[in-house]
Amino acid sequence: MALTAHSVTQIDTKASSWGWQLRGACRHVSPETFFHPDGERGTVRRTRDERAKAVCSECPVLRQCRDHVLTVREPFGVWGGMTEVERAAHYLASPPLNPGVAV
């Protein structure tokens, strides 16, 4: 497939819209910090979530990350300083603007 000026512009636009991810503080931390293993509960899970949220609290792209995760409704992990449970509560409190979008 040959690249045209239009396709290069599309690639550049997409790359720049995701470029914030390259500056995320999470890139220097093990993914296990942000994603719980199956069956993790109680104090162990809360402690891991708090460690992840501490990384997020120092992140230069916290706002972009949170906006992204709330838009795409990522179901797993700590993103933008929010746990899965916190995002679920946010979705319930803030129904989608487009009523045709599944919750």
C-alpha atoms as a PDB file:
ATOM      1  CA  MET A   1       0.000   0.000   0.000  1.00  0.00           C
ATOM      2  CA  ALA A   2       1.458   3.326  -1.045  1.00  0.00           C
ATOM      3  CA  LEU A   3       1.447   6.238   1.369  1.00  0.00           C
ATOM      4  CA  THR A   4      -0.256   9.355   0.127  1.00  0.00           C
ATOM      5  CA  ALA A   5      -0.130  12.829   1.621  1.00  0.00           C
ATOM      6  CA  HIS A   6      -3.599  12.181   3.067  1.00  0.00           C
ATOM      7  CA  SER A   7      -2.605   8.883   4.716  1.00  0.00           C
ATOM      8  CA  VAL A   8       0.563  10.430   6.163  1.00  0.00           C
ATOM      9  CA  THR A   9      -1.535  13.257   7.636  1.00  0.00           C
ATOM     10  CA  GLN A  10      -3.906  10.690   9.156  1.00  0.00           C
ATOM     11  CA  ILE A  11      -0.961   8.810  10.692  1.00  0.00           C
ATOM     12  CA  ASP A  12       0.539  12.046  12.067  1.00  0.00           C
ATOM     13  CA  THR A  13      -2.796  13.114  13.543  1.00  0.00           C
ATOM     14  CA  LYS A  14      -3.373   9.744  15.194  1.00  0.00           C
ATOM     15  CA  ALA A  15       0.180   9.611  16.565  1.00  0.00           C
ATOM     16  CA  SER A  16      -0.064  13.109  18.012  1.00  0.00           C
ATOM     17  CA  SER A  17      -3.403  12.320  19.680  1.00  0.00           C
ATOM     18  CA  TRP A  18      -1.796   9.345  21.452  1.00  0.00           C
ATOM     19  CA  GLY A  19       1.566  11.012  22.082  1.00  0.00           C
ATOM     20  CA  TRP A  20       0.627  11.844  25.676  1.00  0.00           C
ATOM     21  CA  GLN A  21       1.005   8.145  26.508  1.00  0.00           C
ATOM     22  CA  LEU A  22       4.742   8.378  25.889  1.00  0.00           C
ATOM     23  CA  ARG A  23       5.017  10.880  28.760  1.00  0.00           C
ATOM     24  CA  GLY A  24       3.031   8.816  31.275  1.00  0.00           C
ATOM     25  CA  ALA A  25       4.676   8.103  34.627  1.00  0.00           C
ATOM     26  CA  CYS A  26       3.297   4.563  34.366  1.00  0.00           C
ATOM     27  CA  ARG A  27       5.773   3.772  31.589  1.00  0.00           C
ATOM     28  CA  HIS A  28       8.461   3.407  34.232  1.00  0.00           C
ATOM     29  CA  VAL A  29       6.457   1.123  36.539  1.00  0.00           C
ATOM     30  CA  SER A  30       5.533  -2.545  36.217  1.00  0.00           C
ATOM     31  CA  PRO A  31       2.088  -3.072  34.647  1.00  0.00           C
ATOM     32  CA  GLU A  32       1.216  -5.366  37.568  1.00  0.00           C
ATOM     33  CA  THR A  33       0.969  -2.210  39.660  1.00  0.00           C
ATOM     34  CA  PHE A  34      -2.036  -1.072  37.605  1.00  0.00           C
ATOM     35  CA  PHE A  35      -3.789  -4.361  36.809  1.00  0.00           C
ATOM     36  CA  HIS A  36      -4.879  -6.767  39.516  1.00  0.00           C
ATOM     37  CA  PRO A  37      -4.476 -10.520  39.149  1.00  0.00           C
ATOM     38  CA  ASP A  38      -7.627 -12.667  39.092  1.00  0.00           C
ATOM     39  CA  GLY A  39      -9.062 -13.124  42.535  1.00  0.00           C
ATOM     40  CA  GLU A  40      -7.156 -10.304  44.235  1.00  0.00           C
ATOM     41  CA  ARG A  41      -9.331  -8.843  46.994  1.00  0.00           C
ATOM     42  CA  GLY A  42      -9.341  -6.872  50.221  1.00  0.00           C
ATOM     43  CA  THR A  43      -6.289  -5.179  51.670  1.00  0.00           C
ATOM     44  CA  VAL A  44      -3.897  -6.532  49.042  1.00  0.00           C
ATOM     45  CA  ARG A  45      -5.971  -5.066  46.213  1.00  0.00           C
ATOM     46  CA  ARG A  46      -6.537  -1.732  47.978  1.00  0.00           C
ATOM     47  CA  THR A  47      -2.794  -1.453  48.641  1.00  0.00           C
ATOM     48  CA  ARG A  48      -1.931  -2.145  44.992  1.00  0.00           C
ATOM     49  CA  ASP A  49      -4.579   0.351  43.835  1.00  0.00           C
ATOM     50  CA  GLU A  50      -3.182   3.015  46.179  1.00  0.00           C
ATOM     51  CA  ARG A  51       0.365   2.421  44.842  1.00  0.00           C
ATOM     52  CA  ALA A  52      -0.934   2.819  41.291  1.00  0.00           C
ATOM     53  CA  LYS A  53      -2.871   5.958  42.171  1.00  0.00           C
ATOM     54  CA  ALA A  54       0.254   7.413  43.812  1.00  0.00           C
ATOM     55  CA  VAL A  55       2.092   7.014  40.488  1.00  0.00           C
ATOM     56  CA  CYS A  56      -0.837   8.676  38.709  1.00  0.00           C
ATOM     57  CA  SER A  57      -0.887  11.576  41.154  1.00  0.00           C
ATOM     58  CA  GLU A  58       2.639  12.558  40.041  1.00  0.00           C
ATOM     59  CA  CYS A  59       1.983  12.010  36.337  1.00  0.00           C
ATOM     60  CA  PRO A  60       2.321  14.929  33.897  1.00  0.00           C
ATOM     61  CA  VAL A  61      -0.452  13.525  31.667  1.00  0.00           C
ATOM     62  CA  LEU A  62      -2.997  12.616  34.348  1.00  0.00           C
ATOM     63  CA  ARG A  63      -5.752  14.726  32.757  1.00  0.00           C
ATOM     64  CA  GLN A  64      -5.240  13.285  29.259  1.00  0.00           C
ATOM     65  CA  CYS A  65      -5.173   9.751  30.645  1.00  0.00           C
ATOM     66  CA  ARG A  66      -8.342  10.247  32.667  1.00  0.00           C
ATOM     67  CA  ASP A  67     -10.146  11.858  29.732  1.00  0.00           C
ATOM     68  CA  HIS A  68      -9.100   8.946  27.524  1.00  0.00           C
ATOM     69  CA  VAL A  69     -10.159   6.191  29.916  1.00  0.00           C
ATOM     70  CA  LEU A  70     -13.522   7.788  30.631  1.00  0.00           C
ATOM     71  CA  THR A  71     -14.153   8.224  26.906  1.00  0.00           C
ATOM     72  CA  VAL A  72     -13.243   4.673  25.868  1.00  0.00           C
ATOM     73  CA  ARG A  73     -14.651   3.142  29.074  1.00  0.00           C
ATOM     74  CA  GLU A  74     -11.613   0.947  29.720  1.00  0.00           C
ATOM     75  CA  PRO A  75     -12.914  -1.778  32.055  1.00  0.00           C
ATOM     76  CA  PHE A  76      -9.637  -2.922  33.609  1.00  0.00           C
ATOM     77  CA  GLY A  77      -6.882  -1.438  35.751  1.00  0.00           C
ATOM     78  CA  VAL A  78      -6.059   1.907  37.296  1.00  0.00           C
ATOM     79  CA  TRP A  79      -6.022   4.685  34.698  1.00  0.00           C
ATOM     80  CA  GLY A  80      -5.925   8.422  35.218  1.00  0.00           C
ATOM     81  CA  GLY A  81      -5.809   7.898  38.966  1.00  0.00           C
ATOM     82  CA  MET A  82      -9.134   6.022  38.948  1.00  0.00           C
ATOM     83  CA  THR A  83      -9.769   2.394  39.860  1.00  0.00           C
ATOM     84  CA  GLU A  84     -12.258   0.169  38.057  1.00  0.00           C
ATOM     85  CA  VAL A  85     -14.758   0.718  40.887  1.00  0.00           C
ATOM     86  CA  GLU A  86     -14.309   4.512  40.803  1.00  0.00           C
ATOM     87  CA  ARG A  87     -14.868   4.584  37.043  1.00  0.00           C
ATOM     88  CA  ALA A  88     -17.983   2.412  37.346  1.00  0.00           C
ATOM     89  CA  ALA A  89     -19.381   4.852  39.929  1.00  0.00           C
ATOM     90  CA  HIS A  90     -18.527   7.771  37.612  1.00  0.00           C
ATOM     91  CA  TYR A  91     -20.381   6.144  34.698  1.00  0.00           C
ATOM     92  CA  LEU A  92     -23.467   5.605  36.854  1.00  0.00           C
ATOM     93  CA  ALA A  93     -23.390   9.216  38.039  1.00  0.00           C
ATOM     94  CA  SER A  94     -22.715  10.591  34.551  1.00  0.00           C
ATOM     95  CA  PRO A  95     -24.795   8.855  31.871  1.00  0.00           C
ATOM     96  CA  PRO A  96     -23.423   9.102  28.317  1.00  0.00           C
ATOM     97  CA  LEU A  97     -24.326  12.195  26.303  1.00  0.00           C
ATOM     98  CA  ASN A  98     -25.393   9.940  23.450  1.00  0.00           C
ATOM     99  CA  PRO A  99     -28.298   7.832  24.750  1.00  0.00           C
ATOM    100  CA  GLY A 100     -27.664   5.274  21.986  1.00  0.00           C
ATOM    101  CA  VAL A 101     -24.284   4.339  23.480  1.00  0.00           C
ATOM    102  CA  ALA A 102     -24.323   1.207  25.621  1.00  0.00           C
ATOM    103  CA  VAL A 103     -23.233   1.596  29.217  1.00  0.00           C
END
